[in-house]
């Protein structure tokens, strides 16, 4: 079901309080799912965030982090529970893909947990499963995806 009130998706500074609050909420939720305490996600050089707002309130976010050689990684996708299943994840993901193209990326990767409801979102957006990469290798809870941003030749 699409959301009926105006939604604004915009680039936002990584240290903006809206990002901080959404990140804390996401960490609490992940800790409850994974039984982990005190998850800390460092801000990497070159990371860019977008946030979704309804009535001036931050309700969703996501980040784009460079991996190198034209490859970026989607990170920290989060939608507050009352706003889920209303298209916010698709909007944030589309904004991050647009940002990636502007930044010159040709490929996007991401990691999510096997329990994540976002699996169908990523697959519907054209991401396909790939082997675990980088820090996720060996993590039995991780699933990784990739999408080419290059135009498809007809």
C-alpha atoms as a PDB file:
ATOM      1  CA  UNK A   1       0.000   0.000   0.000  1.00  0.00           C
ATOM      2  CA  UNK A   2       1.456   3.373  -1.027  1.00  0.00           C
ATOM      3  CA  UNK A   3       1.682   6.174   1.495  1.00  0.00           C
ATOM      4  CA  UNK A   4      -0.802   8.999   0.855  1.00  0.00           C
ATOM      5  CA  UNK A   5       0.969  11.945   2.499  1.00  0.00           C
ATOM      6  CA  UNK A   6       3.936  13.760   0.926  1.00  0.00           C
ATOM      7  CA  UNK A   7       7.218  11.934   1.354  1.00  0.00           C
ATOM      8  CA  UNK A   8      10.519  13.730   0.866  1.00  0.00           C
ATOM      9  CA  UNK A   9      13.735  11.820   0.262  1.00  0.00           C
ATOM     10  CA  UNK A  10      16.871  13.914   0.520  1.00  0.00           C
ATOM     11  CA  UNK A  11      20.601  13.637   1.014  1.00  0.00           C
ATOM     12  CA  UNK A  12      21.555  14.253   4.616  1.00  0.00           C
ATOM     13  CA  UNK A  13      24.852  14.618   6.487  1.00  0.00           C
ATOM     14  CA  UNK A  14      26.037  11.370   8.143  1.00  0.00           C
ATOM     15  CA  UNK A  15      26.193  13.091  11.539  1.00  0.00           C
ATOM     16  CA  UNK A  16      22.742  14.670  11.313  1.00  0.00           C
ATOM     17  CA  UNK A  17      20.675  13.888  14.449  1.00  0.00           C
ATOM     18  CA  UNK A  18      17.977  12.270  12.278  1.00  0.00           C
ATOM     19  CA  UNK A  19      20.505   9.694  11.047  1.00  0.00           C
ATOM     20  CA  UNK A  20      21.745   9.174  14.597  1.00  0.00           C
ATOM     21  CA  UNK A  21      18.240   8.478  15.901  1.00  0.00           C
ATOM     22  CA  UNK A  22      17.313   6.130  13.048  1.00  0.00           C
ATOM     23  CA  UNK A  23      20.638   4.289  13.446  1.00  0.00           C
ATOM     24  CA  UNK A  24      20.021   3.798  17.184  1.00  0.00           C
ATOM     25  CA  UNK A  25      16.539   2.427  16.487  1.00  0.00           C
ATOM     26  CA  UNK A  26      17.938   0.067  13.857  1.00  0.00           C
ATOM     27  CA  UNK A  27      20.680  -1.112  16.218  1.00  0.00           C
ATOM     28  CA  UNK A  28      18.157  -1.877  18.975  1.00  0.00           C
ATOM     29  CA  UNK A  29      16.044  -3.852  16.536  1.00  0.00           C
ATOM     30  CA  UNK A  30      19.047  -5.809  15.214  1.00  0.00           C
ATOM     31  CA  UNK A  31      20.259  -6.485  18.744  1.00  0.00           C
ATOM     32  CA  UNK A  32      16.862  -7.959  19.623  1.00  0.00           C
ATOM     33  CA  UNK A  33      16.918 -10.169  16.514  1.00  0.00           C
ATOM     34  CA  UNK A  34      20.534 -11.276  16.748  1.00  0.00           C
ATOM     35  CA  UNK A  35      20.982 -11.235  20.512  1.00  0.00           C
ATOM     36  CA  UNK A  36      23.865  -8.790  20.122  1.00  0.00           C
ATOM     37  CA  UNK A  37      24.626  -5.940  22.484  1.00  0.00           C
ATOM     38  CA  UNK A  38      26.154  -2.577  21.683  1.00  0.00           C
ATOM     39  CA  UNK A  39      26.415  -2.868  17.911  1.00  0.00           C
ATOM     40  CA  UNK A  40      28.639  -0.059  16.629  1.00  0.00           C
ATOM     41  CA  UNK A  41      28.800   0.845  12.957  1.00  0.00           C
ATOM     42  CA  UNK A  42      31.686   3.173  12.125  1.00  0.00           C
ATOM     43  CA  UNK A  43      31.218   5.897   9.532  1.00  0.00           C
ATOM     44  CA  UNK A  44      33.537   5.123   6.645  1.00  0.00           C
ATOM     45  CA  UNK A  45      35.224   7.715   4.456  1.00  0.00           C
ATOM     46  CA  UNK A  46      32.958   8.778   1.603  1.00  0.00           C
ATOM     47  CA  UNK A  47      29.709   7.394   3.050  1.00  0.00           C
ATOM     48  CA  UNK A  48      26.583   9.261   1.914  1.00  0.00           C
ATOM     49  CA  UNK A  49      23.143   9.089   3.504  1.00  0.00           C
ATOM     50  CA  UNK A  50      19.611   9.753   2.349  1.00  0.00           C
ATOM     51  CA  UNK A  51      16.605  10.028   4.627  1.00  0.00           C
ATOM     52  CA  UNK A  52      12.861   9.906   4.067  1.00  0.00           C
ATOM     53  CA  UNK A  53      10.669  12.473   5.807  1.00  0.00           C
ATOM     54  CA  UNK A  54       6.933  12.697   6.423  1.00  0.00           C
ATOM     55  CA  UNK A  55       5.648  15.918   7.990  1.00  0.00           C
ATOM     56  CA  UNK A  56       9.272  16.864   8.765  1.00  0.00           C
ATOM     57  CA  UNK A  57       9.922  13.656  10.722  1.00  0.00           C
ATOM     58  CA  UNK A  58      12.629  11.222   9.645  1.00  0.00           C
ATOM     59  CA  UNK A  59      11.021   7.833   9.004  1.00  0.00           C
ATOM     60  CA  UNK A  60      13.557   5.987   6.821  1.00  0.00           C
ATOM     61  CA  UNK A  61      17.204   6.053   5.831  1.00  0.00           C
ATOM     62  CA  UNK A  62      19.922   4.329   3.891  1.00  0.00           C
ATOM     63  CA  UNK A  63      23.557   4.880   3.020  1.00  0.00           C
ATOM     64  CA  UNK A  64      25.904   4.456   0.095  1.00  0.00           C
ATOM     65  CA  UNK A  65      29.468   3.505   0.915  1.00  0.00           C
ATOM     66  CA  UNK A  66      32.307   3.219  -1.614  1.00  0.00           C
ATOM     67  CA  UNK A  67      33.943  -0.193  -1.959  1.00  0.00           C
ATOM     68  CA  UNK A  68      36.337   0.845  -4.754  1.00  0.00           C
ATOM     69  CA  UNK A  69      36.715   0.366  -8.507  1.00  0.00           C
ATOM     70  CA  UNK A  70      33.237   1.704  -9.329  1.00  0.00           C
ATOM     71  CA  UNK A  71      31.496  -0.502  -6.768  1.00  0.00           C
ATOM     72  CA  UNK A  72      29.377   0.869  -3.935  1.00  0.00           C
ATOM     73  CA  UNK A  73      27.618  -0.783  -1.040  1.00  0.00           C
ATOM     74  CA  UNK A  74      24.107  -0.105   0.226  1.00  0.00           C
ATOM     75  CA  UNK A  75      24.232   0.159   4.023  1.00  0.00           C
ATOM     76  CA  UNK A  76      21.962   0.941   6.961  1.00  0.00           C
ATOM     77  CA  UNK A  77      18.627   0.601   5.186  1.00  0.00           C
ATOM     78  CA  UNK A  78      15.997   1.200   7.828  1.00  0.00           C
ATOM     79  CA  UNK A  79      12.313   2.124   7.936  1.00  0.00           C
ATOM     80  CA  UNK A  80      10.560   2.806  11.232  1.00  0.00           C
ATOM     81  CA  UNK A  81       8.031   0.037  11.946  1.00  0.00           C
ATOM     82  CA  UNK A  82       4.826   2.123  11.552  1.00  0.00           C
ATOM     83  CA  UNK A  83       5.951   3.111   8.033  1.00  0.00           C
ATOM     84  CA  UNK A  84       6.890  -0.344   6.730  1.00  0.00           C
ATOM     85  CA  UNK A  85       5.196  -1.971   3.751  1.00  0.00           C
ATOM     86  CA  UNK A  86       4.225   1.437   2.379  1.00  0.00           C
ATOM     87  CA  UNK A  87       6.961   1.915  -0.221  1.00  0.00           C
ATOM     88  CA  UNK A  88       9.524   3.818   1.851  1.00  0.00           C
ATOM     89  CA  UNK A  89      12.211   1.164   1.366  1.00  0.00           C
ATOM     90  CA  UNK A  90      11.749   1.329  -2.422  1.00  0.00           C
ATOM     91  CA  UNK A  91      11.997   5.133  -2.347  1.00  0.00           C
ATOM     92  CA  UNK A  92      15.183   5.140  -0.253  1.00  0.00           C
ATOM     93  CA  UNK A  93      16.751   2.398  -2.383  1.00  0.00           C
ATOM     94  CA  UNK A  94      15.894   4.270  -5.607  1.00  0.00           C
ATOM     95  CA  UNK A  95      17.425   7.474  -4.196  1.00  0.00           C
ATOM     96  CA  UNK A  96      20.606   5.590  -3.263  1.00  0.00           C
ATOM     97  CA  UNK A  97      20.814   4.043  -6.732  1.00  0.00           C
ATOM     98  CA  UNK A  98      20.410   7.491  -8.296  1.00  0.00           C
ATOM     99  CA  UNK A  99      23.144   8.844  -6.023  1.00  0.00           C
ATOM    100  CA  UNK A 100      25.366   5.894  -6.989  1.00  0.00           C
ATOM    101  CA  UNK A 101      24.974   6.680 -10.694  1.00  0.00           C
ATOM    102  CA  UNK A 102      25.790  10.353 -10.007  1.00  0.00           C
ATOM    103  CA  UNK A 103      28.917   9.214  -8.120  1.00  0.00           C
ATOM    104  CA  UNK A 104      30.036   7.059 -11.064  1.00  0.00           C
ATOM    105  CA  UNK A 105      29.360   3.613  -9.605  1.00  0.00           C
ATOM    106  CA  UNK A 106      28.605   0.817 -12.067  1.00  0.00           C
ATOM    107  CA  UNK A 107      27.727  -1.851  -9.471  1.00  0.00           C
ATOM    108  CA  UNK A 108      26.011  -1.909  -6.092  1.00  0.00           C
ATOM    109  CA  UNK A 109      26.310  -4.607  -3.452  1.00  0.00           C
ATOM    110  CA  UNK A 110      24.598  -5.107  -0.148  1.00  0.00           C
ATOM    111  CA  UNK A 111      24.418  -7.477   2.775  1.00  0.00           C
ATOM    112  CA  UNK A 112      21.363  -8.293   4.823  1.00  0.00           C
ATOM    113  CA  UNK A 113      20.332 -10.935   7.300  1.00  0.00           C
ATOM    114  CA  UNK A 114      18.579 -14.112   6.216  1.00  0.00           C
ATOM    115  CA  UNK A 115      15.622 -13.116   8.418  1.00  0.00           C
ATOM    116  CA  UNK A 116      15.224  -9.694   6.788  1.00  0.00           C
ATOM    117  CA  UNK A 117      11.876  -8.835   5.288  1.00  0.00           C
ATOM    118  CA  UNK A 118      13.839  -6.679   2.838  1.00  0.00           C
ATOM    119  CA  UNK A 119      14.935  -9.744   0.842  1.00  0.00           C
ATOM    120  CA  UNK A 120      11.923  -9.409  -1.453  1.00  0.00           C
ATOM    121  CA  UNK A 121      12.503  -5.657  -1.792  1.00  0.00           C
ATOM    122  CA  UNK A 122      16.045  -6.171  -3.044  1.00  0.00           C
ATOM    123  CA  UNK A 123      15.097  -8.975  -5.422  1.00  0.00           C
ATOM    124  CA  UNK A 124      12.177  -6.951  -6.843  1.00  0.00           C
ATOM    125  CA  UNK A 125      14.586  -4.042  -7.405  1.00  0.00           C
ATOM    126  CA  UNK A 126      16.845  -6.230  -9.560  1.00  0.00           C
ATOM    127  CA  UNK A 127      19.460  -7.368  -7.031  1.00  0.00           C
ATOM    128  CA  UNK A 128      20.630 -10.957  -7.380  1.00  0.00           C
ATOM    129  CA  UNK A 129      22.311 -13.178  -4.775  1.00  0.00           C
ATOM    130  CA  UNK A 130      26.118 -13.328  -4.801  1.00  0.00           C
ATOM    131  CA  UNK A 131      28.667 -15.104  -2.593  1.00  0.00           C
ATOM    132  CA  UNK A 132      29.432 -13.452   0.737  1.00  0.00           C
ATOM    133  CA  UNK A 133      32.119 -10.784   0.376  1.00  0.00           C
ATOM    134  CA  UNK A 134      34.454  -8.780   2.593  1.00  0.00           C
ATOM    135  CA  UNK A 135      33.600  -8.735   6.284  1.00  0.00           C
ATOM    136  CA  UNK A 136      30.535 -10.943   5.709  1.00  0.00           C
ATOM    137  CA  UNK A 137      32.468 -14.053   4.595  1.00  0.00           C
ATOM    138  CA  UNK A 138      31.748 -16.853   7.032  1.00  0.00           C
ATOM    139  CA  UNK A 139      28.721 -15.178   8.651  1.00  0.00           C
ATOM    140  CA  UNK A 140      25.888 -17.748   8.589  1.00  0.00           C
ATOM    141  CA  UNK A 141      23.246 -15.007   9.053  1.00  0.00           C
ATOM    142  CA  UNK A 142      24.375 -12.957   6.042  1.00  0.00           C
ATOM    143  CA  UNK A 143      23.042 -12.930   2.504  1.00  0.00           C
ATOM    144  CA  UNK A 144      24.689 -10.720  -0.132  1.00  0.00           C
ATOM    145  CA  UNK A 145      23.254  -9.213  -3.303  1.00  0.00           C
ATOM    146  CA  UNK A 146      24.518  -7.245  -6.282  1.00  0.00           C
ATOM    147  CA  UNK A 147      23.040  -5.100  -9.048  1.00  0.00           C
ATOM    148  CA  UNK A 148      24.618  -3.659 -12.159  1.00  0.00           C
ATOM    149  CA  UNK A 149      23.802  -0.008 -12.782  1.00  0.00           C
ATOM    150  CA  UNK A 150      25.000  -0.140 -16.389  1.00  0.00           C
ATOM    151  CA  UNK A 151      22.335   0.323 -19.065  1.00  0.00           C
ATOM    152  CA  UNK A 152      21.027  -2.934 -20.489  1.00  0.00           C
ATOM    153  CA  UNK A 153      21.604  -3.251 -24.218  1.00  0.00           C
ATOM    154  CA  UNK A 154      18.598  -4.326 -26.239  1.00  0.00           C
END
